[in-house]
C-alpha atoms as a PDB file:
ATOM      1  CA  MET A   1     -65.725-124.361  -0.365  1.00  0.00           C
ATOM      2  CA  SER A   2     -62.913-125.936  -2.376  1.00  0.00           C
ATOM      3  CA  LEU A   3     -62.574-129.660  -2.871  1.00  0.00           C
ATOM      4  CA  THR A   4     -59.388-131.362  -1.753  1.00  0.00           C
ATOM      5  CA  ALA A   5     -57.293-133.367  -4.183  1.00  0.00           C
ATOM      6  CA  GLU A   6     -58.421-136.548  -2.431  1.00  0.00           C
ATOM      7  CA  GLN A   7     -62.096-135.600  -2.874  1.00  0.00           C
ATOM      8  CA  ILE A   8     -61.492-134.878  -6.544  1.00  0.00           C
ATOM      9  CA  LYS A   9     -59.783-138.279  -6.962  1.00  0.00           C
ATOM     10  CA  VAL A  10     -62.744-140.051  -5.357  1.00  0.00           C
ATOM     11  CA  GLU A  11     -65.200-138.234  -7.615  1.00  0.00           C
ATOM     12  CA  ALA A  12     -63.055-138.795 -10.709  1.00  0.00           C
ATOM     13  CA  MET A  13     -63.079-142.549 -10.115  1.00  0.00           C
ATOM     14  CA  LYS A  14     -66.876-142.455 -10.454  1.00  0.00           C
ATOM     15  CA  LEU A  15     -66.517-141.355 -14.090  1.00  0.00           C
ATOM     16  CA  PRO A  16     -66.653-143.857 -16.954  1.00  0.00           C
ATOM     17  CA  PRO A  17     -63.204-144.971 -18.207  1.00  0.00           C
ATOM     18  CA  GLU A  18     -63.313-142.791 -21.346  1.00  0.00           C
ATOM     19  CA  GLU A  19     -64.062-139.669 -19.316  1.00  0.00           C
ATOM     20  CA  ARG A  20     -61.304-140.536 -16.822  1.00  0.00           C
ATOM     21  CA  ALA A  21     -58.864-140.935 -19.723  1.00  0.00           C
ATOM     22  CA  ASP A  22     -59.898-137.544 -21.132  1.00  0.00           C
ATOM     23  CA  LEU A  23     -59.485-135.983 -17.691  1.00  0.00           C
ATOM     24  CA  ALA A  24     -56.059-137.595 -17.268  1.00  0.00           C
ATOM     25  CA  ASP A  25     -54.941-136.250 -20.658  1.00  0.00           C
ATOM     26  CA  TRP A  26     -56.209-132.793 -19.779  1.00  0.00           C
ATOM     27  CA  LEU A  27     -54.444-132.837 -16.407  1.00  0.00           C
ATOM     28  CA  TRP A  28     -51.187-134.107 -17.933  1.00  0.00           C
ATOM     29  CA  ILE A  29     -51.178-131.396 -20.590  1.00  0.00           C
ATOM     30  CA  SER A  30     -51.959-128.777 -17.938  1.00  0.00           C
ATOM     31  CA  VAL A  31     -48.675-129.548 -16.125  1.00  0.00           C
ATOM     32  CA  THR A  32     -46.448-130.502 -19.050  1.00  0.00           C
ATOM     33  CA  PRO A  33     -45.176-127.769 -21.362  1.00  0.00           C
ATOM     34  CA  ARG A  34     -46.679-128.146 -24.829  1.00  0.00           C
ATOM     35  CA  ASP A  35     -43.193-128.038 -26.357  1.00  0.00           C
ATOM     36  CA  GLU A  36     -42.245-131.083 -24.268  1.00  0.00           C
ATOM     37  CA  VAL A  37     -45.339-132.975 -25.389  1.00  0.00           C
ATOM     38  CA  GLN A  38     -44.689-132.089 -29.031  1.00  0.00           C
ATOM     39  CA  ALA A  39     -41.028-133.102 -28.716  1.00  0.00           C
ATOM     40  CA  ALA A  40     -42.069-136.475 -27.277  1.00  0.00           C
ATOM     41  CA  TRP A  41     -44.469-137.081 -30.163  1.00  0.00           C
ATOM     42  CA  ASP A  42     -41.827-136.015 -32.699  1.00  0.00           C
ATOM     43  CA  ALA A  43     -39.361-138.494 -31.150  1.00  0.00           C
ATOM     44  CA  GLU A  44     -41.961-141.290 -31.201  1.00  0.00           C
ATOM     45  CA  ILE A  45     -42.807-140.607 -34.849  1.00  0.00           C
ATOM     46  CA  ALA A  46     -39.107-140.588 -35.777  1.00  0.00           C
ATOM     47  CA  ARG A  47     -38.581-143.879 -33.900  1.00  0.00           C
ATOM     48  CA  ARG A  48     -41.467-145.540 -35.719  1.00  0.00           C
ATOM     49  CA  ILE A  49     -40.301-144.282 -39.118  1.00  0.00           C
ATOM     50  CA  ALA A  50     -36.799-145.599 -38.385  1.00  0.00           C
ATOM     51  CA  GLU A  51     -38.249-149.027 -37.529  1.00  0.00           C
ATOM     52  CA  ILE A  52     -40.208-149.074 -40.785  1.00  0.00           C
ATOM     53  CA  ASP A  53     -37.144-147.998 -42.787  1.00  0.00           C
ATOM     54  CA  ALA A  54     -35.007-150.653 -41.055  1.00  0.00           C
ATOM     55  CA  GLY A  55     -37.603-153.326 -41.749  1.00  0.00           C
ATOM     56  CA  THR A  56     -37.986-154.161 -38.046  1.00  0.00           C
ATOM     57  CA  ALA A  57     -41.545-152.896 -37.636  1.00  0.00           C
ATOM     58  CA  GLU A  58     -44.442-155.323 -37.884  1.00  0.00           C
ATOM     59  CA  LEU A  59     -46.741-153.742 -40.434  1.00  0.00           C
ATOM     60  CA  ILE A  60     -50.357-154.891 -40.328  1.00  0.00           C
ATOM     61  CA  PRO A  61     -52.742-154.115 -43.193  1.00  0.00           C
ATOM     62  CA  GLY A  62     -55.549-151.758 -42.230  1.00  0.00           C
ATOM     63  CA  GLU A  63     -58.191-154.322 -43.173  1.00  0.00           C
ATOM     64  CA  GLU A  64     -56.730-156.778 -40.659  1.00  0.00           C
ATOM     65  CA  VAL A  65     -56.544-154.135 -37.920  1.00  0.00           C
ATOM     66  CA  PHE A  66     -60.202-153.242 -38.415  1.00  0.00           C
ATOM     67  CA  ALA A  67     -61.229-156.904 -38.538  1.00  0.00           C
ATOM     68  CA  ARG A  68     -59.451-157.533 -35.214  1.00  0.00           C
ATOM     69  CA  LEU A  69     -61.097-154.469 -33.703  1.00  0.00           C
ATOM     70  CA  GLU A  70     -64.544-155.512 -34.895  1.00  0.00           C
ATOM     71  CA  GLU A  71     -64.008-158.971 -33.398  1.00  0.00           C
ATOM     72  CA  LYS A  72     -63.000-157.497 -30.035  1.00  0.00           C
ATOM     73  CA  LEU A  73     -66.015-155.196 -30.072  1.00  0.00           C
ATOM     74  CA  ARG A  74     -68.288-158.099 -30.976  1.00  0.00           C
ATOM     75  CA  LYS A  75     -66.926-160.157 -28.083  1.00  0.00           C
ATOM     76  CA  ALA A  76     -67.203-157.224 -25.657  1.00  0.00           C
ATOM     77  CA  GLY A  77     -70.817-156.654 -26.637  1.00  0.00           C
ATOM     78  CA  ALA A  78     -71.784-160.279 -26.153  1.00  0.00           C
END
């Protein structure tokens, strides 16, 4: 017996957030041509490079990014 889309949705919502995100990515890629996905990433990369070249991007040192992330993780674990 096949599951209906509604049954699959209900079951999917029981998954942890990370697994739901992985499932959503997998589903999206399954219905979107790979060329379209690649073209979207290429456009996003070009946009970000243009912002950096124009001096309009906010660049954050890696050390600061990791420090912020560690702080968020510390707070989430508390």
